C-alpha atoms as a PDB file:
ATOM      1  CA  UNK A   1     -18.248  -3.123 -13.191  1.00  0.00           C
ATOM      2  CA  UNK A   2     -21.353  -1.304 -12.036  1.00  0.00           C
ATOM      3  CA  UNK A   3     -20.837   1.889 -10.008  1.00  0.00           C
ATOM      4  CA  UNK A   4     -22.606   0.477  -6.941  1.00  0.00           C
ATOM      5  CA  UNK A   5     -20.456  -2.634  -6.872  1.00  0.00           C
ATOM      6  CA  UNK A   6     -17.324  -0.543  -7.374  1.00  0.00           C
ATOM      7  CA  UNK A   7     -18.225   1.667  -4.400  1.00  0.00           C
ATOM      8  CA  UNK A   8     -18.892  -1.385  -2.229  1.00  0.00           C
ATOM      9  CA  UNK A   9     -15.521  -2.862  -3.246  1.00  0.00           C
ATOM     10  CA  UNK A  10     -13.699   0.384  -2.486  1.00  0.00           C
ATOM     11  CA  UNK A  11     -15.465   0.636   0.877  1.00  0.00           C
ATOM     12  CA  UNK A  12     -14.539  -2.948   1.773  1.00  0.00           C
ATOM     13  CA  UNK A  13     -10.931  -2.264   0.789  1.00  0.00           C
ATOM     14  CA  UNK A  14     -10.794   0.874   2.942  1.00  0.00           C
ATOM     15  CA  UNK A  15     -12.356  -1.019   5.842  1.00  0.00           C
ATOM     16  CA  UNK A  16      -9.732  -3.758   5.504  1.00  0.00           C
ATOM     17  CA  UNK A  17      -6.884  -1.249   5.395  1.00  0.00           C
ATOM     18  CA  UNK A  18      -8.270   0.614   8.401  1.00  0.00           C
ATOM     19  CA  UNK A  19      -8.669  -2.559  10.458  1.00  0.00           C
ATOM     20  CA  UNK A  20      -5.155  -3.673   9.537  1.00  0.00           C
ATOM     21  CA  UNK A  21      -3.602  -0.349  10.514  1.00  0.00           C
ATOM     22  CA  UNK A  22      -5.566  -0.257  13.764  1.00  0.00           C
ATOM     23  CA  UNK A  23      -5.278  -3.844  14.988  1.00  0.00           C
ATOM     24  CA  UNK A  24      -2.217  -5.281  13.199  1.00  0.00           C
ATOM     25  CA  UNK A  25       0.235  -2.447  12.470  1.00  0.00           C
ATOM     26  CA  UNK A  26       3.181  -4.869  12.368  1.00  0.00           C
ATOM     27  CA  UNK A  27       1.849  -6.170   9.032  1.00  0.00           C
ATOM     28  CA  UNK A  28       2.747  -2.883   7.344  1.00  0.00           C
ATOM     29  CA  UNK A  29       5.702  -1.778   9.464  1.00  0.00           C
ATOM     30  CA  UNK A  30       8.113  -2.932   6.726  1.00  0.00           C
ATOM     31  CA  UNK A  31       6.858  -0.221   4.365  1.00  0.00           C
ATOM     32  CA  UNK A  32       9.506   2.448   3.944  1.00  0.00           C
ATOM     33  CA  UNK A  33      12.293   0.462   5.583  1.00  0.00           C
ATOM     34  CA  UNK A  34      13.415  -1.770   2.710  1.00  0.00           C
ATOM     35  CA  UNK A  35      16.859  -1.619   1.094  1.00  0.00           C
ATOM     36  CA  UNK A  36      16.597   0.803  -1.805  1.00  0.00           C
ATOM     37  CA  UNK A  37      14.329   3.279  -0.024  1.00  0.00           C
ATOM     38  CA  UNK A  38      16.103   6.626  -0.028  1.00  0.00           C
ATOM     39  CA  UNK A  39      16.270   8.794   3.117  1.00  0.00           C
ATOM     40  CA  UNK A  40      18.142  12.079   3.052  1.00  0.00           C
ATOM     41  CA  UNK A  41      18.156  14.054   6.277  1.00  0.00           C
ATOM     42  CA  UNK A  42      19.882  17.292   7.170  1.00  0.00           C
ATOM     43  CA  UNK A  43      19.402  19.833   9.942  1.00  0.00           C
ATOM     44  CA  UNK A  44      16.503  21.621   8.296  1.00  0.00           C
ATOM     45  CA  UNK A  45      15.075  19.157   5.787  1.00  0.00           C
ATOM     46  CA  UNK A  46      14.092  15.543   5.282  1.00  0.00           C
ATOM     47  CA  UNK A  47      13.541  13.772   1.960  1.00  0.00           C
ATOM     48  CA  UNK A  48      12.097  10.274   1.777  1.00  0.00           C
ATOM     49  CA  UNK A  49      11.709   8.366  -1.513  1.00  0.00           C
ATOM     50  CA  UNK A  50      10.319   4.833  -0.985  1.00  0.00           C
ATOM     51  CA  UNK A  51      11.384   3.355  -4.353  1.00  0.00           C
ATOM     52  CA  UNK A  52      11.633  -0.306  -3.319  1.00  0.00           C
ATOM     53  CA  UNK A  53       8.546  -0.195  -1.125  1.00  0.00           C
ATOM     54  CA  UNK A  54       6.477   1.264  -3.968  1.00  0.00           C
ATOM     55  CA  UNK A  55       7.701  -1.436  -6.382  1.00  0.00           C
ATOM     56  CA  UNK A  56       6.692  -4.147  -3.888  1.00  0.00           C
ATOM     57  CA  UNK A  57       3.294  -2.486  -3.335  1.00  0.00           C
ATOM     58  CA  UNK A  58       2.764  -2.209  -7.097  1.00  0.00           C
ATOM     59  CA  UNK A  59       3.523  -5.888  -7.652  1.00  0.00           C
ATOM     60  CA  UNK A  60       1.180  -6.928  -4.823  1.00  0.00           C
ATOM     61  CA  UNK A  61      -1.654  -4.745  -6.130  1.00  0.00           C
ATOM     62  CA  UNK A  62      -1.145  -6.043  -9.684  1.00  0.00           C
ATOM     63  CA  UNK A  63      -1.261  -9.678  -8.540  1.00  0.00           C
ATOM     64  CA  UNK A  64      -4.382  -9.102  -6.431  1.00  0.00           C
ATOM     65  CA  UNK A  65      -6.126  -7.174  -9.226  1.00  0.00           C
ATOM     66  CA  UNK A  66      -5.384  -9.967 -11.697  1.00  0.00           C
ATOM     67  CA  UNK A  67      -6.709 -12.595  -9.284  1.00  0.00           C
ATOM     68  CA  UNK A  68      -9.979 -10.789  -8.544  1.00  0.00           C
ATOM     69  CA  UNK A  69     -10.769  -8.987 -11.811  1.00  0.00           C
ATOM     70  CA  UNK A  70      -9.708 -11.521 -14.436  1.00  0.00           C
ATOM     71  CA  UNK A  71     -12.430 -12.460 -16.881  1.00  0.00           C
END
């Protein structure tokens, strides 16, 4: 892919993410709240490891990349 087209694609992706977060936050409110996401909280510290959410995000990105960038 040419550098100019790659930059346009990245910009369009960032625009889409920004619009989604601004106007439809309920579409991504599930992220970090799935079973398998680890939350450890004590008085002075908080640890959050979104294992399941990252697996779901990885699968979605892989499917979309294969749909759009397949030769």
